[in-house]
Amino acid sequence: MPNLKLCVFSDIHYIKEKPNWSVNQKLTEYAEEFVSKIVDKVNNEIKPDICIHLGDMIQASQSEEIDIQNIKYIWQKLNNFSVPFYTLLGNHELKNVQSNKEILKIIGYSEATFSFDINGYHLLFLGTDVNFTDYKYRTQYLSDRDLKWIENDLKINADKKTIVFSHFGIAEDDMKGNFWFENDIESGMIRNREYLKKMLVNHKNLIGVFVGHQHWTKKIEEAGINYYMVGSLVENINSDGIPDGVFLEIEIDNDYLNIVEKHLCTDNIKNGYR
């Protein structure tokens, strides 16, 4: 038996009324169905110790009121997990609000950045907030307060095997071939990531970082740290009208991660990680 078993998925992009897009890259009409599917798989097949969503519960609309309604609706569906479940906030939750506090109140979290221990491992969740000094990338910042909190959290837990979860990218990548970010790399990244990366490198017991937002599934090794990108549940990844439905089953034994990539729509199982 592994010391810790996780299920990780990302980027649901639920919206009640599907946008009229010229390019049908996000198959948002599958979002609610796929939440039901992942809930069923987690509860009845995978049975992990914990399940984690890496952010973007919704597809942002042009209205804060509609976004709030959609968050409340899909959050009810996500509360059907029979194992402990946690989510990060993504840029779509934050697009039309003044502060992440508006969303935290709905989901019952006191903070967007938090950590806890489970089965001998330390799990650290990085929560971004709105930064009005940078309009284009306004949802992609860790606050100064959170950066100080993260620094202290990593310091006091220096002897614990640690896993980090982030909505936005941290490791550098040229994004070549990425539908969303090849021509705007910074849109896929935490803007003030340099100080964060120094903290992560200095933590000698960091065994992995899991990231959403970029809508593809791959691994990057940077400065001795393994970063695992997790694709979107509804991405039209192969341009065939079939949503990616990707999720990861992760078994951890000491500092060894056995990661298996699976998909809700197909029998495609990848032993290991591409």
C-alpha atoms as a PDB file:
ATOM      1  CA  MET A   1       0.000   0.000   0.000  1.00  0.00           C
ATOM      2  CA  PRO A   2       1.300   3.503  -0.826  1.00  0.00           C
ATOM      3  CA  ASN A   3       1.788   6.038   1.928  1.00  0.00           C
ATOM      4  CA  LEU A   4      -0.503   8.487   0.128  1.00  0.00           C
ATOM      5  CA  LYS A   5      -2.899   8.191  -2.809  1.00  0.00           C
ATOM      6  CA  LEU A   6      -4.154  11.258  -4.700  1.00  0.00           C
ATOM      7  CA  CYS A   7      -6.480  12.027  -7.575  1.00  0.00           C
ATOM      8  CA  VAL A   8      -5.725  15.330  -9.316  1.00  0.00           C
ATOM      9  CA  PHE A   9      -7.673  17.030 -12.109  1.00  0.00           C
ATOM     10  CA  SER A  10      -8.035  20.581 -13.391  1.00  0.00           C
ATOM     11  CA  ASP A  11      -9.907  23.261 -15.339  1.00  0.00           C
ATOM     12  CA  ILE A  12     -13.554  22.211 -15.355  1.00  0.00           C
ATOM     13  CA  HIS A  13     -14.736  25.428 -17.060  1.00  0.00           C
ATOM     14  CA  TYR A  14     -18.397  25.006 -16.214  1.00  0.00           C
ATOM     15  CA  ILE A  15     -20.757  27.599 -17.694  1.00  0.00           C
ATOM     16  CA  LYS A  16     -24.523  27.257 -18.016  1.00  0.00           C
ATOM     17  CA  GLU A  17     -24.750  28.871 -21.440  1.00  0.00           C
ATOM     18  CA  LYS A  18     -21.969  27.803 -23.808  1.00  0.00           C
ATOM     19  CA  PRO A  19     -20.218  30.825 -25.372  1.00  0.00           C
ATOM     20  CA  ASN A  20     -20.491  31.308 -29.119  1.00  0.00           C
ATOM     21  CA  TRP A  21     -16.827  30.746 -29.980  1.00  0.00           C
ATOM     22  CA  SER A  22     -15.371  30.808 -33.466  1.00  0.00           C
ATOM     23  CA  VAL A  23     -12.965  28.045 -32.387  1.00  0.00           C
ATOM     24  CA  ASN A  24     -14.497  25.240 -30.339  1.00  0.00           C
ATOM     25  CA  GLN A  25     -11.428  24.512 -28.194  1.00  0.00           C
ATOM     26  CA  LYS A  26     -13.167  24.258 -24.815  1.00  0.00           C
ATOM     27  CA  LEU A  27     -16.019  21.751 -24.823  1.00  0.00           C
ATOM     28  CA  THR A  28     -17.739  23.375 -21.848  1.00  0.00           C
ATOM     29  CA  GLU A  29     -20.985  21.518 -22.548  1.00  0.00           C
ATOM     30  CA  TYR A  30     -19.288  18.425 -21.052  1.00  0.00           C
ATOM     31  CA  ALA A  31     -18.224  20.122 -17.816  1.00  0.00           C
ATOM     32  CA  GLU A  32     -21.145  19.113 -15.591  1.00  0.00           C
ATOM     33  CA  GLU A  33     -21.233  15.570 -16.969  1.00  0.00           C
ATOM     34  CA  PHE A  34     -17.500  15.153 -16.425  1.00  0.00           C
ATOM     35  CA  VAL A  35     -17.712  16.402 -12.854  1.00  0.00           C
ATOM     36  CA  SER A  36     -20.287  13.668 -12.223  1.00  0.00           C
ATOM     37  CA  LYS A  37     -17.979  11.132 -13.896  1.00  0.00           C
ATOM     38  CA  ILE A  38     -14.908  12.089 -11.874  1.00  0.00           C
ATOM     39  CA  VAL A  39     -16.929  12.096  -8.650  1.00  0.00           C
ATOM     40  CA  ASP A  40     -18.178   8.577  -9.428  1.00  0.00           C
ATOM     41  CA  LYS A  41     -14.681   7.316 -10.311  1.00  0.00           C
ATOM     42  CA  VAL A  42     -13.124   8.790  -7.193  1.00  0.00           C
ATOM     43  CA  ASN A  43     -15.843   7.529  -4.864  1.00  0.00           C
ATOM     44  CA  ASN A  44     -16.286   4.038  -6.301  1.00  0.00           C
ATOM     45  CA  GLU A  45     -13.057   3.087  -8.104  1.00  0.00           C
ATOM     46  CA  ILE A  46      -9.997   5.159  -7.220  1.00  0.00           C
ATOM     47  CA  LYS A  47     -10.818   5.741  -3.536  1.00  0.00           C
ATOM     48  CA  PRO A  48      -7.831   8.012  -2.881  1.00  0.00           C
ATOM     49  CA  ASP A  49      -6.896   9.596   0.414  1.00  0.00           C
ATOM     50  CA  ILE A  50      -7.605  13.007  -1.098  1.00  0.00           C
ATOM     51  CA  CYS A  51      -8.863  14.563  -4.357  1.00  0.00           C
ATOM     52  CA  ILE A  52      -7.596  17.914  -5.668  1.00  0.00           C
ATOM     53  CA  HIS A  53      -8.803  20.290  -8.386  1.00  0.00           C
ATOM     54  CA  LEU A  54      -6.230  22.801  -9.639  1.00  0.00           C
ATOM     55  CA  GLY A  55      -8.579  25.688 -10.427  1.00  0.00           C
ATOM     56  CA  ASP A  56     -10.980  27.153 -13.016  1.00  0.00           C
ATOM     57  CA  MET A  57     -14.182  25.595 -11.779  1.00  0.00           C
ATOM     58  CA  ILE A  58     -16.020  27.866 -14.218  1.00  0.00           C
ATOM     59  CA  GLN A  59     -15.660  29.489 -17.592  1.00  0.00           C
ATOM     60  CA  ALA A  60     -15.886  33.213 -16.880  1.00  0.00           C
ATOM     61  CA  SER A  61     -18.739  35.134 -18.473  1.00  0.00           C
ATOM     62  CA  GLN A  62     -19.050  38.879 -18.915  1.00  0.00           C
ATOM     63  CA  SER A  63     -20.965  39.168 -15.648  1.00  0.00           C
ATOM     64  CA  GLU A  64     -19.899  38.787 -12.028  1.00  0.00           C
ATOM     65  CA  GLU A  65     -23.444  37.792 -11.115  1.00  0.00           C
ATOM     66  CA  ILE A  66     -23.493  34.942 -13.650  1.00  0.00           C
ATOM     67  CA  ASP A  67     -20.039  33.777 -12.572  1.00  0.00           C
ATOM     68  CA  ILE A  68     -21.134  33.651  -8.934  1.00  0.00           C
ATOM     69  CA  GLN A  69     -24.224  31.633  -9.867  1.00  0.00           C
ATOM     70  CA  ASN A  70     -22.112  29.185 -11.878  1.00  0.00           C
ATOM     71  CA  ILE A  71     -19.560  28.804  -9.073  1.00  0.00           C
ATOM     72  CA  LYS A  72     -22.314  28.071  -6.554  1.00  0.00           C
ATOM     73  CA  TYR A  73     -23.865  25.505  -8.909  1.00  0.00           C
ATOM     74  CA  ILE A  74     -20.722  23.550  -9.757  1.00  0.00           C
ATOM     75  CA  TRP A  75     -19.451  23.770  -6.168  1.00  0.00           C
ATOM     76  CA  GLN A  76     -22.569  21.877  -5.068  1.00  0.00           C
ATOM     77  CA  LYS A  77     -21.684  19.118  -7.554  1.00  0.00           C
ATOM     78  CA  LEU A  78     -18.091  19.014  -6.321  1.00  0.00           C
ATOM     79  CA  ASN A  79     -19.283  18.533  -2.761  1.00  0.00           C
ATOM     80  CA  ASN A  80     -20.391  15.008  -3.691  1.00  0.00           C
ATOM     81  CA  PHE A  81     -16.914  13.545  -3.238  1.00  0.00           C
ATOM     82  CA  SER A  82     -16.808  11.000  -0.415  1.00  0.00           C
ATOM     83  CA  VAL A  83     -13.110  11.702   0.204  1.00  0.00           C
ATOM     84  CA  PRO A  84     -11.545  15.007   1.315  1.00  0.00           C
ATOM     85  CA  PHE A  85     -11.667  17.415  -1.636  1.00  0.00           C
ATOM     86  CA  TYR A  86      -9.836  20.714  -2.151  1.00  0.00           C
ATOM     87  CA  THR A  87      -9.698  23.240  -4.966  1.00  0.00           C
ATOM     88  CA  LEU A  88      -7.500  26.124  -5.980  1.00  0.00           C
ATOM     89  CA  LEU A  89      -8.937  29.316  -7.451  1.00  0.00           C
ATOM     90  CA  GLY A  90      -8.197  29.961 -11.117  1.00  0.00           C
ATOM     91  CA  ASN A  91      -8.225  33.056 -13.276  1.00  0.00           C
ATOM     92  CA  HIS A  92     -11.802  32.366 -14.395  1.00  0.00           C
ATOM     93  CA  GLU A  93     -13.121  32.494 -10.838  1.00  0.00           C
ATOM     94  CA  LEU A  94     -11.272  35.785 -10.301  1.00  0.00           C
ATOM     95  CA  LYS A  95     -11.859  37.506 -13.643  1.00  0.00           C
ATOM     96  CA  ASN A  96     -14.901  39.579 -12.671  1.00  0.00           C
ATOM     97  CA  VAL A  97     -14.426  40.036  -8.907  1.00  0.00           C
ATOM     98  CA  GLN A  98     -12.556  42.597  -6.827  1.00  0.00           C
ATOM     99  CA  SER A  99     -10.906  40.076  -4.513  1.00  0.00           C
ATOM    100  CA  ASN A 100     -10.563  36.331  -4.035  1.00  0.00           C
ATOM    101  CA  LYS A 101     -12.445  36.794  -0.744  1.00  0.00           C
ATOM    102  CA  GLU A 102     -15.710  36.888  -2.722  1.00  0.00           C
ATOM    103  CA  ILE A 103     -15.081  33.358  -4.000  1.00  0.00           C
ATOM    104  CA  LEU A 104     -13.618  32.041  -0.752  1.00  0.00           C
ATOM    105  CA  LYS A 105     -16.841  32.971   1.036  1.00  0.00           C
ATOM    106  CA  ILE A 106     -18.838  30.787  -1.379  1.00  0.00           C
ATOM    107  CA  ILE A 107     -16.646  27.705  -1.009  1.00  0.00           C
ATOM    108  CA  GLY A 108     -16.102  28.143   2.723  1.00  0.00           C
ATOM    109  CA  TYR A 109     -12.341  28.697   2.725  1.00  0.00           C
ATOM    110  CA  SER A 110     -10.729  31.268   5.007  1.00  0.00           C
ATOM    111  CA  GLU A 111      -7.682  31.675   2.732  1.00  0.00           C
ATOM    112  CA  ALA A 112      -6.768  30.876  -0.876  1.00  0.00           C
ATOM    113  CA  THR A 113      -3.231  29.873   0.162  1.00  0.00           C
ATOM    114  CA  PHE A 114      -3.135  27.122   2.768  1.00  0.00           C
ATOM    115  CA  SER A 115      -1.406  23.897   3.783  1.00  0.00           C
ATOM    116  CA  PHE A 116      -1.943  20.799   5.874  1.00  0.00           C
ATOM    117  CA  ASP A 117      -0.369  17.440   6.622  1.00  0.00           C
ATOM    118  CA  ILE A 118      -1.775  14.083   5.542  1.00  0.00           C
ATOM    119  CA  ASN A 119      -0.267  10.616   5.973  1.00  0.00           C
ATOM    120  CA  GLY A 120       3.139  12.073   6.763  1.00  0.00           C
ATOM    121  CA  TYR A 121       3.238  14.516   3.804  1.00  0.00           C
ATOM    122  CA  HIS A 122       2.911  18.288   3.749  1.00  0.00           C
ATOM    123  CA  LEU A 123       0.552  19.656   1.054  1.00  0.00           C
ATOM    124  CA  LEU A 124       0.887  23.340   0.127  1.00  0.00           C
ATOM    125  CA  PHE A 125      -1.752  25.104  -2.017  1.00  0.00           C
ATOM    126  CA  LEU A 126      -0.817  28.388  -3.721  1.00  0.00           C
ATOM    127  CA  GLY A 127      -3.701  30.815  -4.025  1.00  0.00           C
ATOM    128  CA  THR A 128      -3.539  33.834  -6.315  1.00  0.00           C
ATOM    129  CA  ASP A 129      -5.491  37.074  -5.989  1.00  0.00           C
ATOM    130  CA  VAL A 130      -6.385  40.142  -8.048  1.00  0.00           C
ATOM    131  CA  ASN A 131      -3.656  42.713  -8.738  1.00  0.00           C
ATOM    132  CA  PHE A 132      -4.982  45.932 -10.209  1.00  0.00           C
ATOM    133  CA  THR A 133      -1.556  47.319 -11.163  1.00  0.00           C
ATOM    134  CA  ASP A 134      -1.296  44.839 -14.053  1.00  0.00           C
ATOM    135  CA  TYR A 135      -4.621  44.750 -15.885  1.00  0.00           C
ATOM    136  CA  LYS A 136      -3.732  42.123 -18.493  1.00  0.00           C
ATOM    137  CA  TYR A 137      -2.429  39.580 -15.988  1.00  0.00           C
ATOM    138  CA  ARG A 138      -4.371  40.829 -12.965  1.00  0.00           C
ATOM    139  CA  THR A 139      -5.398  37.383 -11.639  1.00  0.00           C
ATOM    140  CA  GLN A 140      -1.924  35.841 -11.788  1.00  0.00           C
ATOM    141  CA  TYR A 141      -0.230  37.156  -8.667  1.00  0.00           C
ATOM    142  CA  LEU A 142       0.608  35.758  -5.280  1.00  0.00           C
ATOM    143  CA  SER A 143       0.048  38.578  -2.796  1.00  0.00           C
ATOM    144  CA  ASP A 144       3.013  39.827  -0.755  1.00  0.00           C
ATOM    145  CA  ARG A 145       1.183  38.567   2.314  1.00  0.00           C
ATOM    146  CA  ASP A 146       0.852  35.082   0.836  1.00  0.00           C
ATOM    147  CA  LEU A 147       4.491  35.008  -0.292  1.00  0.00           C
ATOM    148  CA  LYS A 148       5.589  35.730   3.279  1.00  0.00           C
ATOM    149  CA  TRP A 149       3.201  33.075   4.560  1.00  0.00           C
ATOM    150  CA  ILE A 150       4.544  30.520   2.053  1.00  0.00           C
ATOM    151  CA  GLU A 151       8.122  31.324   3.019  1.00  0.00           C
ATOM    152  CA  ASN A 152       7.325  30.751   6.690  1.00  0.00           C
ATOM    153  CA  ASP A 153       5.309  27.610   5.961  1.00  0.00           C
ATOM    154  CA  LEU A 154       8.180  26.054   3.994  1.00  0.00           C
ATOM    155  CA  LYS A 155      10.645  27.038   6.707  1.00  0.00           C
ATOM    156  CA  ILE A 156       8.757  25.509   9.618  1.00  0.00           C
ATOM    157  CA  ASN A 157       8.018  22.378   7.545  1.00  0.00           C
ATOM    158  CA  ALA A 158      11.540  22.018   6.137  1.00  0.00           C
ATOM    159  CA  ASP A 159      11.873  18.461   7.420  1.00  0.00           C
ATOM    160  CA  LYS A 160       8.612  17.265   5.833  1.00  0.00           C
ATOM    161  CA  LYS A 161       8.191  15.732   2.392  1.00  0.00           C
ATOM    162  CA  THR A 162       6.222  18.430   0.583  1.00  0.00           C
ATOM    163  CA  ILE A 163       3.953  18.557  -2.474  1.00  0.00           C
ATOM    164  CA  VAL A 164       2.917  21.913  -3.956  1.00  0.00           C
ATOM    165  CA  PHE A 165      -0.217  22.689  -5.976  1.00  0.00           C
ATOM    166  CA  SER A 166      -0.675  25.775  -8.184  1.00  0.00           C
ATOM    167  CA  HIS A 167      -3.210  26.884 -10.758  1.00  0.00           C
ATOM    168  CA  PHE A 168      -0.703  28.885 -12.824  1.00  0.00           C
ATOM    169  CA  GLY A 169       2.608  27.720 -14.258  1.00  0.00           C
ATOM    170  CA  ILE A 170       5.859  28.174 -12.349  1.00  0.00           C
ATOM    171  CA  ALA A 171       8.544  26.418 -14.425  1.00  0.00           C
ATOM    172  CA  GLU A 172       9.704  28.196 -17.588  1.00  0.00           C
ATOM    173  CA  ASP A 173       8.579  26.769 -20.925  1.00  0.00           C
ATOM    174  CA  ASP A 174       8.541  28.046 -24.498  1.00  0.00           C
ATOM    175  CA  MET A 175       4.915  26.809 -24.795  1.00  0.00           C
ATOM    176  CA  LYS A 176       5.632  25.603 -28.318  1.00  0.00           C
ATOM    177  CA  GLY A 177       2.515  23.900 -29.642  1.00  0.00           C
ATOM    178  CA  ASN A 178       0.296  25.125 -26.823  1.00  0.00           C
ATOM    179  CA  PHE A 179      -3.000  26.355 -28.298  1.00  0.00           C
ATOM    180  CA  TRP A 180      -3.549  28.989 -25.614  1.00  0.00           C
ATOM    181  CA  PHE A 181      -0.124  30.258 -24.633  1.00  0.00           C
ATOM    182  CA  GLU A 182       2.404  29.762 -27.434  1.00  0.00           C
ATOM    183  CA  ASN A 183       2.046  33.423 -28.423  1.00  0.00           C
ATOM    184  CA  ASP A 184       1.665  34.774 -24.886  1.00  0.00           C
ATOM    185  CA  ILE A 185       3.756  32.716 -22.486  1.00  0.00           C
ATOM    186  CA  GLU A 186       3.166  35.001 -19.516  1.00  0.00           C
ATOM    187  CA  SER A 187      -0.576  34.304 -19.668  1.00  0.00           C
ATOM    188  CA  GLY A 188       0.222  30.774 -18.565  1.00  0.00           C
ATOM    189  CA  MET A 189       2.395  31.742 -15.600  1.00  0.00           C
ATOM    190  CA  ILE A 190       2.427  33.243 -12.116  1.00  0.00           C
ATOM    191  CA  ARG A 191       3.818  36.700 -12.770  1.00  0.00           C
ATOM    192  CA  ASN A 192       5.824  37.081  -9.549  1.00  0.00           C
ATOM    193  CA  ARG A 193       7.216  33.553  -9.621  1.00  0.00           C
ATOM    194  CA  GLU A 194      10.948  34.225  -9.294  1.00  0.00           C
ATOM    195  CA  TYR A 195      10.983  34.632  -5.518  1.00  0.00           C
ATOM    196  CA  LEU A 196       8.610  31.687  -5.196  1.00  0.00           C
ATOM    197  CA  LYS A 197      10.976  29.498  -7.208  1.00  0.00           C
ATOM    198  CA  LYS A 198      13.888  30.409  -4.955  1.00  0.00           C
ATOM    199  CA  MET A 199      11.858  29.269  -1.961  1.00  0.00           C
ATOM    200  CA  LEU A 200      10.923  26.002  -3.666  1.00  0.00           C
ATOM    201  CA  VAL A 201      14.515  25.253  -4.679  1.00  0.00           C
ATOM    202  CA  ASN A 202      15.677  25.827  -1.108  1.00  0.00           C
ATOM    203  CA  HIS A 203      13.181  23.308   0.261  1.00  0.00           C
ATOM    204  CA  LYS A 204      15.189  20.086   0.210  1.00  0.00           C
ATOM    205  CA  ASN A 205      12.160  17.835   0.778  1.00  0.00           C
ATOM    206  CA  LEU A 206      10.036  19.060  -2.129  1.00  0.00           C
ATOM    207  CA  ILE A 207       8.981  15.979  -4.098  1.00  0.00           C
ATOM    208  CA  GLY A 208       6.742  17.525  -6.765  1.00  0.00           C
ATOM    209  CA  VAL A 209       4.691  20.495  -7.981  1.00  0.00           C
ATOM    210  CA  PHE A 210       1.329  20.050  -9.751  1.00  0.00           C
ATOM    211  CA  VAL A 211       0.022  22.815 -12.017  1.00  0.00           C
ATOM    212  CA  GLY A 212      -3.166  23.418 -14.014  1.00  0.00           C
ATOM    213  CA  HIS A 213      -4.236  26.263 -16.332  1.00  0.00           C
ATOM    214  CA  GLN A 214      -2.049  25.439 -19.339  1.00  0.00           C
ATOM    215  CA  HIS A 215      -4.510  22.883 -20.761  1.00  0.00           C
ATOM    216  CA  TRP A 216      -1.893  20.268 -21.574  1.00  0.00           C
ATOM    217  CA  THR A 217      -0.364  17.374 -19.686  1.00  0.00           C
ATOM    218  CA  LYS A 218       3.393  17.211 -19.487  1.00  0.00           C
ATOM    219  CA  LYS A 219       6.357  17.251 -17.135  1.00  0.00           C
ATOM    220  CA  ILE A 220       9.115  19.842 -16.816  1.00  0.00           C
ATOM    221  CA  GLU A 221      12.213  19.463 -14.660  1.00  0.00           C
ATOM    222  CA  GLU A 222      13.720  22.778 -13.600  1.00  0.00           C
ATOM    223  CA  ALA A 223      16.460  23.330 -11.010  1.00  0.00           C
ATOM    224  CA  GLY A 224      15.986  19.794  -9.722  1.00  0.00           C
ATOM    225  CA  ILE A 225      12.227  20.172  -9.221  1.00  0.00           C
ATOM    226  CA  ASN A 226       9.661  18.104 -11.114  1.00  0.00           C
ATOM    227  CA  TYR A 227       6.674  20.156 -12.315  1.00  0.00           C
ATOM    228  CA  TYR A 228       3.650  18.186 -13.530  1.00  0.00           C
ATOM    229  CA  MET A 229       1.167  20.046 -15.738  1.00  0.00           C
ATOM    230  CA  VAL A 230      -2.384  18.658 -15.709  1.00  0.00           C
ATOM    231  CA  GLY A 231      -4.646  19.371 -18.704  1.00  0.00           C
ATOM    232  CA  SER A 232      -8.217  20.637 -18.732  1.00  0.00           C
ATOM    233  CA  LEU A 233     -11.114  18.269 -18.230  1.00  0.00           C
ATOM    234  CA  VAL A 234     -12.916  19.796 -21.248  1.00  0.00           C
ATOM    235  CA  GLU A 235     -10.105  20.720 -23.646  1.00  0.00           C
ATOM    236  CA  ASN A 236     -10.689  19.677 -27.274  1.00  0.00           C
ATOM    237  CA  ILE A 237      -7.121  18.433 -27.110  1.00  0.00           C
ATOM    238  CA  ASN A 238      -7.044  16.495 -30.395  1.00  0.00           C
ATOM    239  CA  SER A 239      -9.464  18.787 -32.294  1.00  0.00           C
ATOM    240  CA  ASP A 240     -11.829  15.838 -32.675  1.00  0.00           C
ATOM    241  CA  GLY A 241     -14.751  17.048 -30.555  1.00  0.00           C
ATOM    242  CA  ILE A 242     -13.822  14.675 -27.726  1.00  0.00           C
ATOM    243  CA  PRO A 243     -12.983  16.398 -24.420  1.00  0.00           C
ATOM    244  CA  ASP A 244      -9.647  15.435 -22.890  1.00  0.00           C
ATOM    245  CA  GLY A 245     -11.163  14.303 -19.584  1.00  0.00           C
ATOM    246  CA  VAL A 246      -7.674  13.947 -18.151  1.00  0.00           C
ATOM    247  CA  PHE A 247      -6.961  13.171 -14.525  1.00  0.00           C
ATOM    248  CA  LEU A 248      -4.012  11.745 -12.612  1.00  0.00           C
ATOM    249  CA  GLU A 249      -3.919   8.879 -10.167  1.00  0.00           C
ATOM    250  CA  ILE A 250      -0.875   9.359  -7.955  1.00  0.00           C
ATOM    251  CA  GLU A 251       0.561   6.904  -5.457  1.00  0.00           C
ATOM    252  CA  ILE A 252       3.377   8.154  -3.247  1.00  0.00           C
ATOM    253  CA  ASP A 253       5.758   5.927  -1.334  1.00  0.00           C
ATOM    254  CA  ASN A 254       8.386   7.891   0.587  1.00  0.00           C
ATOM    255  CA  ASP A 255       9.553  10.369  -2.101  1.00  0.00           C
ATOM    256  CA  TYR A 256       8.686   8.183  -5.119  1.00  0.00           C
ATOM    257  CA  LEU A 257       5.668   9.283  -7.167  1.00  0.00           C
ATOM    258  CA  ASN A 258       3.925   6.726  -9.349  1.00  0.00           C
ATOM    259  CA  ILE A 259       1.771   8.879 -11.652  1.00  0.00           C
ATOM    260  CA  VAL A 260      -0.751   7.355 -14.043  1.00  0.00           C
ATOM    261  CA  GLU A 261      -2.516   9.600 -16.570  1.00  0.00           C
ATOM    262  CA  LYS A 262      -6.092   8.555 -17.335  1.00  0.00           C
ATOM    263  CA  HIS A 263      -8.997   9.976 -19.384  1.00  0.00           C
ATOM    264  CA  LEU A 264     -12.727   9.933 -18.698  1.00  0.00           C
ATOM    265  CA  CYS A 265     -13.804   9.617 -22.354  1.00  0.00           C
ATOM    266  CA  THR A 266     -11.514   6.812 -23.455  1.00  0.00           C
ATOM    267  CA  ASP A 267      -9.701   3.742 -22.214  1.00  0.00           C
ATOM    268  CA  ASN A 268      -6.441   5.594 -22.803  1.00  0.00           C
ATOM    269  CA  ILE A 269      -4.190   4.932 -19.809  1.00  0.00           C
ATOM    270  CA  LYS A 270      -0.602   6.115 -19.695  1.00  0.00           C
ATOM    271  CA  ASN A 271       1.555   4.276 -17.207  1.00  0.00           C
ATOM    272  CA  GLY A 272       4.055   6.860 -16.144  1.00  0.00           C
ATOM    273  CA  TYR A 273       3.997  10.450 -17.296  1.00  0.00           C
ATOM    274  CA  ARG A 274       4.708  11.890 -20.716  1.00  0.00           C
END
